[in-house]
Amino acid sequence: MPRYRFVEWTDETGATVGTTPAITLLIDRDRTLTAHYEVVVPTHTLTISATVGGTTSPAPGSYVHDEGTVVRVTAYPGSGYLFDHWVLDGVTRTENPIDVVMDRDHALRAVFEAIPPPEHILTITSTTGGTTDPPPGAHSYPEGTTVTVTAITDAGYLFDHWELDG
């Protein structure tokens, strides 16, 4: 059931004669007094937040909207991050942008994740006469990792040299 709010009083000519619910007037002639009301549209609050690594549009904050309004929110990841998902009132959602129907108060959080560095494969081989630490084989490392490889010679052998990419 809609709620109403008093707006104004008008007289027989349509002129506004008061804007408060109670009015005092002198009856010195026939008068017509009309009370005017308007529907009060309920409002709801959308609270937007974001994890480290990005922002949203509209920006994080609290916003009041009329009931029934559809609010579109877009997540924008910062450099080195990607948008992962939304949490809308505790429920994970993945669309971006997201449309929120203002049928009640809502909490919306954008979740961003750091983009992991690319992985690279270091393939280690060894000739007869020894092994290595880490052992021969394919080893995956994030880009930028510094790796120490140690040659371990068998008895009666000497380490000669490394070959890189050769």
N, C-alpha and C. Protein backbone atom coordinates (compact mmCIF):
# COMPACT_ATOMS: atom_id res chain seq x y z
N MET A 1 0.85 -1.17 0.00
CA MET A 1 0.00 0.00 0.00
C MET A 1 0.90 1.24 0.00
N PRO A 2 0.67 2.14 -0.92
CA PRO A 2 1.54 3.32 -1.00
C PRO A 2 1.38 4.24 0.21
N ARG A 3 2.46 4.94 0.50
CA ARG A 3 2.43 5.96 1.55
C ARG A 3 2.32 7.32 0.86
N TYR A 4 1.71 8.25 1.59
CA TYR A 4 1.51 9.59 1.04
C TYR A 4 2.09 10.63 1.98
N ARG A 5 2.45 11.77 1.39
CA ARG A 5 2.99 12.90 2.15
C ARG A 5 2.20 14.14 1.76
N PHE A 6 1.87 14.93 2.79
CA PHE A 6 1.18 16.20 2.54
C PHE A 6 2.11 17.14 1.77
N VAL A 7 1.53 17.83 0.77
CA VAL A 7 2.31 18.77 -0.04
C VAL A 7 1.88 20.20 0.23
N GLU A 8 0.56 20.50 0.07
CA GLU A 8 0.11 21.89 0.21
C GLU A 8 -1.41 21.95 0.29
N TRP A 9 -1.87 23.13 0.69
CA TRP A 9 -3.30 23.50 0.64
C TRP A 9 -3.47 24.47 -0.51
N THR A 10 -4.58 24.32 -1.26
CA THR A 10 -4.93 25.33 -2.26
C THR A 10 -6.36 25.79 -2.01
N ASP A 11 -6.64 27.01 -2.46
CA ASP A 11 -8.01 27.54 -2.30
C ASP A 11 -8.80 27.34 -3.59
N GLU A 12 -9.98 27.95 -3.61
CA GLU A 12 -10.89 27.78 -4.74
C GLU A 12 -10.32 28.30 -6.05
N THR A 13 -9.31 29.16 -5.99
CA THR A 13 -8.70 29.68 -7.21
C THR A 13 -7.50 28.85 -7.66
N GLY A 14 -7.11 27.88 -6.83
CA GLY A 14 -5.94 27.06 -7.14
C GLY A 14 -4.66 27.61 -6.57
N ALA A 15 -4.76 28.74 -5.87
CA ALA A 15 -3.57 29.36 -5.27
C ALA A 15 -3.17 28.59 -4.01
N THR A 16 -1.88 28.46 -3.82
CA THR A 16 -1.38 27.82 -2.61
C THR A 16 -1.61 28.75 -1.43
N VAL A 17 -2.24 28.20 -0.37
CA VAL A 17 -2.52 29.01 0.82
C VAL A 17 -1.82 28.45 2.06
N GLY A 18 -1.08 27.37 1.90
CA GLY A 18 -0.35 26.81 3.03
C GLY A 18 0.45 25.59 2.61
N THR A 19 1.58 25.39 3.29
CA THR A 19 2.43 24.23 2.97
C THR A 19 2.70 23.36 4.19
N THR A 20 2.02 23.65 5.29
CA THR A 20 2.14 22.80 6.48
C THR A 20 0.81 22.08 6.67
N PRO A 21 0.82 20.91 7.29
CA PRO A 21 -0.43 20.14 7.42
C PRO A 21 -1.53 20.89 8.16
N ALA A 22 -1.20 21.73 9.12
CA ALA A 22 -2.23 22.50 9.84
C ALA A 22 -2.30 23.90 9.25
N ILE A 23 -3.51 24.38 9.07
CA ILE A 23 -3.68 25.72 8.49
C ILE A 23 -4.73 26.48 9.30
N THR A 24 -4.51 27.76 9.44
CA THR A 24 -5.48 28.65 10.09
C THR A 24 -5.91 29.67 9.05
N LEU A 25 -7.22 29.80 8.87
CA LEU A 25 -7.68 30.78 7.90
C LEU A 25 -8.93 31.47 8.41
N LEU A 26 -9.12 32.67 7.96
CA LEU A 26 -10.28 33.49 8.32
C LEU A 26 -11.42 33.13 7.38
N ILE A 27 -12.55 32.80 7.95
CA ILE A 27 -13.73 32.49 7.15
C ILE A 27 -14.52 33.80 7.02
N ASP A 28 -14.29 34.49 5.90
CA ASP A 28 -14.98 35.76 5.65
C ASP A 28 -15.83 35.68 4.39
N ARG A 29 -15.85 34.49 3.79
CA ARG A 29 -16.65 34.22 2.59
C ARG A 29 -16.70 32.71 2.41
N ASP A 30 -17.48 32.27 1.42
CA ASP A 30 -17.47 30.84 1.11
C ASP A 30 -16.06 30.48 0.65
N ARG A 31 -15.53 29.39 1.18
CA ARG A 31 -14.16 28.99 0.85
C ARG A 31 -14.15 27.52 0.43
N THR A 32 -13.26 27.20 -0.44
CA THR A 32 -12.97 25.80 -0.79
C THR A 32 -11.49 25.59 -0.50
N LEU A 33 -11.23 24.59 0.29
CA LEU A 33 -9.86 24.30 0.70
C LEU A 33 -9.55 22.86 0.28
N THR A 34 -8.48 22.69 -0.46
CA THR A 34 -8.11 21.35 -0.94
C THR A 34 -6.72 20.99 -0.42
N ALA A 35 -6.64 19.80 0.19
CA ALA A 35 -5.35 19.27 0.65
C ALA A 35 -4.76 18.44 -0.48
N HIS A 36 -3.47 18.67 -0.77
CA HIS A 36 -2.78 17.93 -1.84
C HIS A 36 -1.71 17.03 -1.22
N TYR A 37 -1.68 15.79 -1.72
CA TYR A 37 -0.72 14.80 -1.24
C TYR A 37 0.03 14.22 -2.43
N GLU A 38 1.19 13.66 -2.15
CA GLU A 38 1.93 12.94 -3.18
C GLU A 38 2.38 11.60 -2.62
N VAL A 39 2.55 10.66 -3.52
CA VAL A 39 3.00 9.33 -3.12
C VAL A 39 4.46 9.43 -2.69
N VAL A 40 4.77 8.81 -1.56
CA VAL A 40 6.15 8.75 -1.09
C VAL A 40 6.76 7.47 -1.64
N VAL A 41 7.76 7.61 -2.49
CA VAL A 41 8.44 6.45 -3.06
C VAL A 41 9.47 5.97 -2.04
N PRO A 42 9.38 4.71 -1.63
CA PRO A 42 10.38 4.20 -0.68
C PRO A 42 11.78 4.25 -1.30
N THR A 43 12.77 4.43 -0.47
CA THR A 43 14.15 4.43 -0.93
C THR A 43 14.93 3.32 -0.24
N HIS A 44 16.00 2.91 -0.90
CA HIS A 44 16.87 1.87 -0.37
C HIS A 44 18.32 2.29 -0.62
N THR A 45 19.22 1.76 0.21
CA THR A 45 20.63 2.12 0.12
C THR A 45 21.43 1.00 -0.52
N LEU A 46 22.27 1.36 -1.49
CA LEU A 46 23.22 0.45 -2.10
C LEU A 46 24.59 0.85 -1.58
N THR A 47 25.24 -0.08 -0.85
CA THR A 47 26.58 0.17 -0.33
C THR A 47 27.56 -0.62 -1.18
N ILE A 48 28.47 0.10 -1.84
CA ILE A 48 29.44 -0.50 -2.76
C ILE A 48 30.82 -0.44 -2.11
N SER A 49 31.55 -1.56 -2.18
CA SER A 49 32.93 -1.60 -1.70
C SER A 49 33.76 -2.39 -2.70
N ALA A 50 35.08 -2.33 -2.54
CA ALA A 50 35.99 -3.05 -3.44
C ALA A 50 37.21 -3.50 -2.66
N THR A 51 37.74 -4.66 -3.03
CA THR A 51 38.98 -5.13 -2.42
C THR A 51 40.14 -4.37 -3.06
N VAL A 52 41.33 -4.59 -2.53
CA VAL A 52 42.54 -3.98 -3.10
C VAL A 52 42.69 -4.46 -4.54
N GLY A 53 43.06 -3.54 -5.42
CA GLY A 53 43.35 -3.93 -6.79
C GLY A 53 42.40 -3.38 -7.84
N GLY A 54 41.46 -2.55 -7.42
CA GLY A 54 40.55 -1.99 -8.42
C GLY A 54 39.56 -1.04 -7.79
N THR A 55 38.65 -0.56 -8.63
CA THR A 55 37.61 0.34 -8.16
C THR A 55 36.32 0.05 -8.92
N THR A 56 35.31 0.84 -8.64
CA THR A 56 34.01 0.64 -9.27
C THR A 56 33.47 1.97 -9.77
N SER A 57 32.48 1.87 -10.65
CA SER A 57 31.72 3.04 -11.07
C SER A 57 30.26 2.67 -10.97
N PRO A 58 29.50 3.37 -10.10
CA PRO A 58 29.91 4.44 -9.21
C PRO A 58 30.99 3.97 -8.22
N ALA A 59 31.73 4.94 -7.70
CA ALA A 59 32.83 4.67 -6.78
C ALA A 59 32.31 4.04 -5.49
N PRO A 60 33.18 3.32 -4.77
CA PRO A 60 32.75 2.76 -3.48
C PRO A 60 32.14 3.84 -2.59
N GLY A 61 31.05 3.48 -1.92
CA GLY A 61 30.33 4.40 -1.06
C GLY A 61 28.90 3.92 -0.89
N SER A 62 28.08 4.72 -0.24
CA SER A 62 26.67 4.39 -0.03
C SER A 62 25.81 5.36 -0.83
N TYR A 63 24.83 4.80 -1.53
CA TYR A 63 23.97 5.58 -2.41
C TYR A 63 22.51 5.23 -2.15
N VAL A 64 21.66 6.25 -2.07
CA VAL A 64 20.23 6.06 -1.83
C VAL A 64 19.51 6.16 -3.18
N HIS A 65 18.66 5.15 -3.47
CA HIS A 65 17.92 5.11 -4.72
C HIS A 65 16.45 4.82 -4.44
N ASP A 66 15.59 5.33 -5.32
CA ASP A 66 14.16 5.02 -5.22
C ASP A 66 13.94 3.53 -5.43
N GLU A 67 12.94 3.01 -4.74
CA GLU A 67 12.59 1.60 -4.91
C GLU A 67 12.26 1.33 -6.37
N GLY A 68 12.76 0.20 -6.87
CA GLY A 68 12.52 -0.19 -8.25
C GLY A 68 13.58 0.27 -9.23
N THR A 69 14.44 1.18 -8.81
CA THR A 69 15.52 1.65 -9.68
C THR A 69 16.49 0.51 -9.94
N VAL A 70 16.98 0.44 -11.18
CA VAL A 70 18.02 -0.54 -11.52
C VAL A 70 19.34 0.23 -11.60
N VAL A 71 20.29 -0.17 -10.76
CA VAL A 71 21.58 0.51 -10.70
C VAL A 71 22.63 -0.38 -11.34
N ARG A 72 23.31 0.14 -12.35
CA ARG A 72 24.38 -0.61 -13.02
C ARG A 72 25.71 -0.20 -12.39
N VAL A 73 26.48 -1.21 -11.96
CA VAL A 73 27.78 -0.98 -11.34
C VAL A 73 28.83 -1.75 -12.15
N THR A 74 29.92 -1.07 -12.46
CA THR A 74 31.00 -1.68 -13.25
C THR A 74 32.27 -1.73 -12.41
N ALA A 75 32.97 -2.86 -12.49
CA ALA A 75 34.24 -3.03 -11.79
C ALA A 75 35.38 -2.75 -12.77
N TYR A 76 36.39 -2.01 -12.30
CA TYR A 76 37.56 -1.68 -13.10
C TYR A 76 38.81 -2.12 -12.36
N PRO A 77 39.49 -3.18 -12.85
CA PRO A 77 40.72 -3.61 -12.18
C PRO A 77 41.86 -2.64 -12.43
N GLY A 78 42.73 -2.52 -11.43
CA GLY A 78 43.92 -1.71 -11.57
C GLY A 78 45.01 -2.50 -12.27
N SER A 79 46.12 -1.85 -12.53
CA SER A 79 47.25 -2.49 -13.19
C SER A 79 47.74 -3.68 -12.36
N GLY A 80 47.91 -4.82 -13.00
CA GLY A 80 48.40 -6.01 -12.32
C GLY A 80 47.31 -6.81 -11.63
N TYR A 81 46.05 -6.40 -11.81
CA TYR A 81 44.92 -7.10 -11.18
C TYR A 81 43.87 -7.43 -12.22
N LEU A 82 43.00 -8.37 -11.88
CA LEU A 82 41.85 -8.69 -12.71
C LEU A 82 40.61 -8.74 -11.84
N PHE A 83 39.48 -8.45 -12.46
CA PHE A 83 38.21 -8.56 -11.74
C PHE A 83 37.88 -10.03 -11.62
N ASP A 84 37.58 -10.49 -10.40
CA ASP A 84 37.28 -11.91 -10.19
C ASP A 84 35.77 -12.14 -10.06
N HIS A 85 35.11 -11.40 -9.16
CA HIS A 85 33.67 -11.60 -8.97
C HIS A 85 33.10 -10.51 -8.08
N TRP A 86 31.78 -10.48 -8.01
CA TRP A 86 31.05 -9.63 -7.07
C TRP A 86 30.56 -10.49 -5.92
N VAL A 87 30.32 -9.86 -4.78
CA VAL A 87 29.56 -10.48 -3.70
C VAL A 87 28.39 -9.52 -3.44
N LEU A 88 27.19 -9.97 -3.82
CA LEU A 88 25.97 -9.17 -3.65
C LEU A 88 25.16 -9.81 -2.53
N ASP A 89 25.11 -9.14 -1.40
CA ASP A 89 24.36 -9.65 -0.24
C ASP A 89 24.77 -11.08 0.11
N GLY A 90 26.08 -11.36 0.02
CA GLY A 90 26.60 -12.67 0.40
C GLY A 90 26.60 -13.71 -0.71
N VAL A 91 26.09 -13.35 -1.88
CA VAL A 91 26.01 -14.29 -3.00
C VAL A 91 27.01 -13.88 -4.08
N THR A 92 27.81 -14.85 -4.56
CA THR A 92 28.81 -14.59 -5.59
C THR A 92 28.14 -14.45 -6.95
N ARG A 93 28.53 -13.40 -7.67
CA ARG A 93 28.04 -13.14 -9.03
C ARG A 93 29.25 -12.80 -9.88
N THR A 94 29.23 -13.17 -11.15
CA THR A 94 30.41 -12.98 -11.99
C THR A 94 30.24 -11.99 -13.14
N GLU A 95 29.01 -11.55 -13.43
CA GLU A 95 28.83 -10.64 -14.56
C GLU A 95 29.41 -9.26 -14.23
N ASN A 96 29.94 -8.62 -15.26
CA ASN A 96 30.49 -7.27 -15.09
C ASN A 96 30.24 -6.50 -16.38
N PRO A 97 29.41 -5.46 -16.34
CA PRO A 97 28.83 -4.84 -15.15
C PRO A 97 27.70 -5.69 -14.57
N ILE A 98 27.26 -5.28 -13.38
CA ILE A 98 26.16 -5.95 -12.70
C ILE A 98 25.03 -4.95 -12.52
N ASP A 99 23.80 -5.42 -12.69
CA ASP A 99 22.62 -4.58 -12.47
C ASP A 99 21.97 -4.99 -11.15
N VAL A 100 21.76 -4.03 -10.27
CA VAL A 100 21.16 -4.28 -8.96
C VAL A 100 19.79 -3.61 -8.93
N VAL A 101 18.76 -4.40 -8.70
CA VAL A 101 17.39 -3.88 -8.58
C VAL A 101 17.20 -3.44 -7.14
N MET A 102 16.85 -2.18 -6.95
CA MET A 102 16.71 -1.63 -5.61
C MET A 102 15.34 -1.96 -5.02
N ASP A 103 15.21 -3.21 -4.57
CA ASP A 103 13.99 -3.67 -3.93
C ASP A 103 14.13 -3.72 -2.41
N ARG A 104 15.36 -3.48 -1.93
CA ARG A 104 15.69 -3.43 -0.51
C ARG A 104 17.11 -2.88 -0.41
N ASP A 105 17.64 -2.73 0.80
CA ASP A 105 19.04 -2.31 0.94
C ASP A 105 19.93 -3.44 0.44
N HIS A 106 21.02 -3.07 -0.24
CA HIS A 106 21.95 -4.07 -0.77
C HIS A 106 23.38 -3.69 -0.44
N ALA A 107 24.22 -4.72 -0.26
CA ALA A 107 25.67 -4.55 -0.10
C ALA A 107 26.33 -5.27 -1.27
N LEU A 108 27.19 -4.55 -1.99
CA LEU A 108 27.86 -5.07 -3.17
C LEU A 108 29.36 -4.85 -3.03
N ARG A 109 30.14 -5.94 -3.17
CA ARG A 109 31.60 -5.83 -3.06
C ARG A 109 32.24 -6.39 -4.32
N ALA A 110 33.13 -5.61 -4.93
CA ALA A 110 33.91 -6.07 -6.08
C ALA A 110 35.18 -6.73 -5.55
N VAL A 111 35.47 -7.93 -6.06
CA VAL A 111 36.64 -8.67 -5.61
C VAL A 111 37.64 -8.74 -6.77
N PHE A 112 38.84 -8.25 -6.50
CA PHE A 112 39.91 -8.26 -7.49
C PHE A 112 41.01 -9.21 -7.03
N GLU A 113 41.70 -9.82 -8.00
CA GLU A 113 42.80 -10.73 -7.71
C GLU A 113 44.03 -10.26 -8.46
N ALA A 114 45.20 -10.43 -7.82
CA ALA A 114 46.45 -10.09 -8.49
C ALA A 114 46.68 -11.06 -9.65
N ILE A 115 47.13 -10.53 -10.77
CA ILE A 115 47.46 -11.39 -11.91
C ILE A 115 48.79 -12.07 -11.59
N PRO A 116 48.80 -13.39 -11.56
CA PRO A 116 50.06 -14.07 -11.24
C PRO A 116 51.05 -13.87 -12.39
N PRO A 117 52.34 -13.83 -12.06
CA PRO A 117 53.32 -13.69 -13.13
C PRO A 117 53.31 -14.94 -14.01
N PRO A 118 53.70 -14.80 -15.27
CA PRO A 118 53.73 -15.98 -16.13
C PRO A 118 54.74 -17.00 -15.61
N GLU A 119 54.47 -18.25 -15.90
CA GLU A 119 55.37 -19.34 -15.49
C GLU A 119 56.30 -19.67 -16.66
N HIS A 120 57.53 -20.03 -16.34
CA HIS A 120 58.50 -20.47 -17.34
C HIS A 120 59.08 -21.80 -16.90
N ILE A 121 59.44 -22.61 -17.89
CA ILE A 121 59.98 -23.95 -17.62
C ILE A 121 61.50 -23.90 -17.73
N LEU A 122 62.17 -24.41 -16.70
CA LEU A 122 63.61 -24.61 -16.73
C LEU A 122 63.82 -26.12 -16.86
N THR A 123 64.40 -26.53 -18.00
CA THR A 123 64.68 -27.95 -18.21
C THR A 123 66.16 -28.18 -17.93
N ILE A 124 66.41 -29.07 -17.00
CA ILE A 124 67.79 -29.37 -16.59
C ILE A 124 68.14 -30.78 -17.08
N THR A 125 69.28 -30.88 -17.75
CA THR A 125 69.79 -32.19 -18.17
C THR A 125 71.21 -32.33 -17.65
N SER A 126 71.66 -33.55 -17.61
CA SER A 126 73.01 -33.81 -17.12
C SER A 126 73.61 -34.92 -17.96
N THR A 127 74.90 -34.80 -18.24
CA THR A 127 75.60 -35.86 -18.97
C THR A 127 76.07 -36.91 -17.97
N THR A 128 76.65 -37.95 -18.47
CA THR A 128 77.20 -39.00 -17.61
C THR A 128 78.26 -38.39 -16.71
N GLY A 129 78.23 -38.80 -15.45
CA GLY A 129 79.27 -38.34 -14.54
C GLY A 129 78.75 -37.45 -13.43
N GLY A 130 77.43 -37.28 -13.35
CA GLY A 130 76.92 -36.47 -12.26
C GLY A 130 75.43 -36.20 -12.39
N THR A 131 74.95 -35.42 -11.48
CA THR A 131 73.54 -35.02 -11.48
C THR A 131 73.46 -33.55 -11.08
N THR A 132 72.30 -33.09 -10.79
CA THR A 132 72.12 -31.69 -10.42
C THR A 132 71.15 -31.57 -9.26
N ASP A 133 71.19 -30.42 -8.63
CA ASP A 133 70.20 -30.06 -7.62
C ASP A 133 69.67 -28.68 -8.00
N PRO A 134 68.41 -28.52 -8.37
CA PRO A 134 67.37 -29.54 -8.44
C PRO A 134 67.72 -30.62 -9.47
N PRO A 135 67.07 -31.78 -9.35
CA PRO A 135 67.43 -32.91 -10.22
C PRO A 135 67.07 -32.65 -11.68
N PRO A 136 67.67 -33.38 -12.61
CA PRO A 136 67.32 -33.23 -14.02
C PRO A 136 65.81 -33.40 -14.23
N GLY A 137 65.28 -32.61 -15.16
CA GLY A 137 63.85 -32.65 -15.47
C GLY A 137 63.34 -31.25 -15.74
N ALA A 138 62.03 -31.14 -15.90
CA ALA A 138 61.39 -29.86 -16.18
C ALA A 138 60.87 -29.28 -14.86
N HIS A 139 61.20 -28.01 -14.61
CA HIS A 139 60.79 -27.32 -13.38
C HIS A 139 60.14 -26.00 -13.77
N SER A 140 58.97 -25.72 -13.19
CA SER A 140 58.22 -24.50 -13.49
C SER A 140 58.51 -23.45 -12.43
N TYR A 141 58.78 -22.20 -12.90
CA TYR A 141 59.07 -21.09 -11.99
C TYR A 141 58.34 -19.84 -12.47
N PRO A 142 57.85 -19.03 -11.53
CA PRO A 142 57.25 -17.75 -11.92
C PRO A 142 58.31 -16.84 -12.53
N GLU A 143 57.88 -16.05 -13.50
CA GLU A 143 58.79 -15.10 -14.14
C GLU A 143 59.43 -14.21 -13.09
N GLY A 144 60.75 -14.00 -13.25
CA GLY A 144 61.48 -13.16 -12.31
C GLY A 144 62.14 -13.92 -11.18
N THR A 145 61.87 -15.22 -11.08
CA THR A 145 62.47 -16.02 -10.01
C THR A 145 63.95 -16.27 -10.33
N THR A 146 64.80 -16.17 -9.33
CA THR A 146 66.21 -16.51 -9.47
C THR A 146 66.38 -17.93 -8.94
N VAL A 147 66.98 -18.78 -9.77
CA VAL A 147 67.15 -20.20 -9.41
C VAL A 147 68.64 -20.51 -9.36
N THR A 148 69.04 -21.21 -8.33
CA THR A 148 70.42 -21.71 -8.24
C THR A 148 70.40 -23.19 -8.57
N VAL A 149 71.22 -23.58 -9.56
CA VAL A 149 71.35 -24.98 -9.94
C VAL A 149 72.78 -25.39 -9.60
N THR A 150 72.90 -26.49 -8.90
CA THR A 150 74.22 -26.97 -8.47
C THR A 150 74.54 -28.28 -9.18
N ALA A 151 75.74 -28.34 -9.76
CA ALA A 151 76.22 -29.58 -10.38
C ALA A 151 76.82 -30.45 -9.28
N ILE A 152 76.43 -31.72 -9.25
CA ILE A 152 76.94 -32.67 -8.26
C ILE A 152 77.65 -33.77 -9.04
N THR A 153 78.98 -33.80 -8.95
CA THR A 153 79.76 -34.76 -9.75
C THR A 153 79.85 -36.10 -9.04
N ASP A 154 79.88 -37.16 -9.85
CA ASP A 154 80.11 -38.51 -9.33
C ASP A 154 81.60 -38.66 -9.06
N ALA A 155 81.94 -39.63 -8.26
CA ALA A 155 83.36 -39.90 -7.95
C ALA A 155 84.10 -40.19 -9.25
N GLY A 156 85.24 -39.61 -9.39
CA GLY A 156 86.08 -39.82 -10.56
C GLY A 156 85.78 -38.87 -11.71
N TYR A 157 84.84 -37.95 -11.53
CA TYR A 157 84.50 -36.99 -12.58
C TYR A 157 84.73 -35.58 -12.07
N LEU A 158 84.99 -34.67 -12.99
CA LEU A 158 85.11 -33.25 -12.68
C LEU A 158 84.03 -32.49 -13.45
N PHE A 159 83.54 -31.45 -12.85
CA PHE A 159 82.56 -30.59 -13.54
C PHE A 159 83.30 -29.82 -14.62
N ASP A 160 82.71 -29.78 -15.83
CA ASP A 160 83.37 -29.10 -16.93
C ASP A 160 82.73 -27.74 -17.21
N HIS A 161 81.45 -27.70 -17.54
CA HIS A 161 80.82 -26.42 -17.86
C HIS A 161 79.29 -26.58 -17.94
N TRP A 162 78.61 -25.43 -17.94
CA TRP A 162 77.16 -25.37 -18.14
C TRP A 162 76.90 -24.98 -19.59
N GLU A 163 75.81 -25.46 -20.12
CA GLU A 163 75.31 -24.99 -21.41
C GLU A 163 73.91 -24.45 -21.18
N LEU A 164 73.70 -23.19 -21.53
CA LEU A 164 72.40 -22.56 -21.35
C LEU A 164 71.75 -22.37 -22.72
N ASP A 165 70.54 -22.89 -22.87
CA ASP A 165 69.80 -22.79 -24.13
C ASP A 165 70.61 -23.33 -25.29
N GLY A 166 71.39 -24.38 -25.04
CA GLY A 166 72.22 -24.89 -26.13
C GLY A 166 72.15 -26.37 -26.30
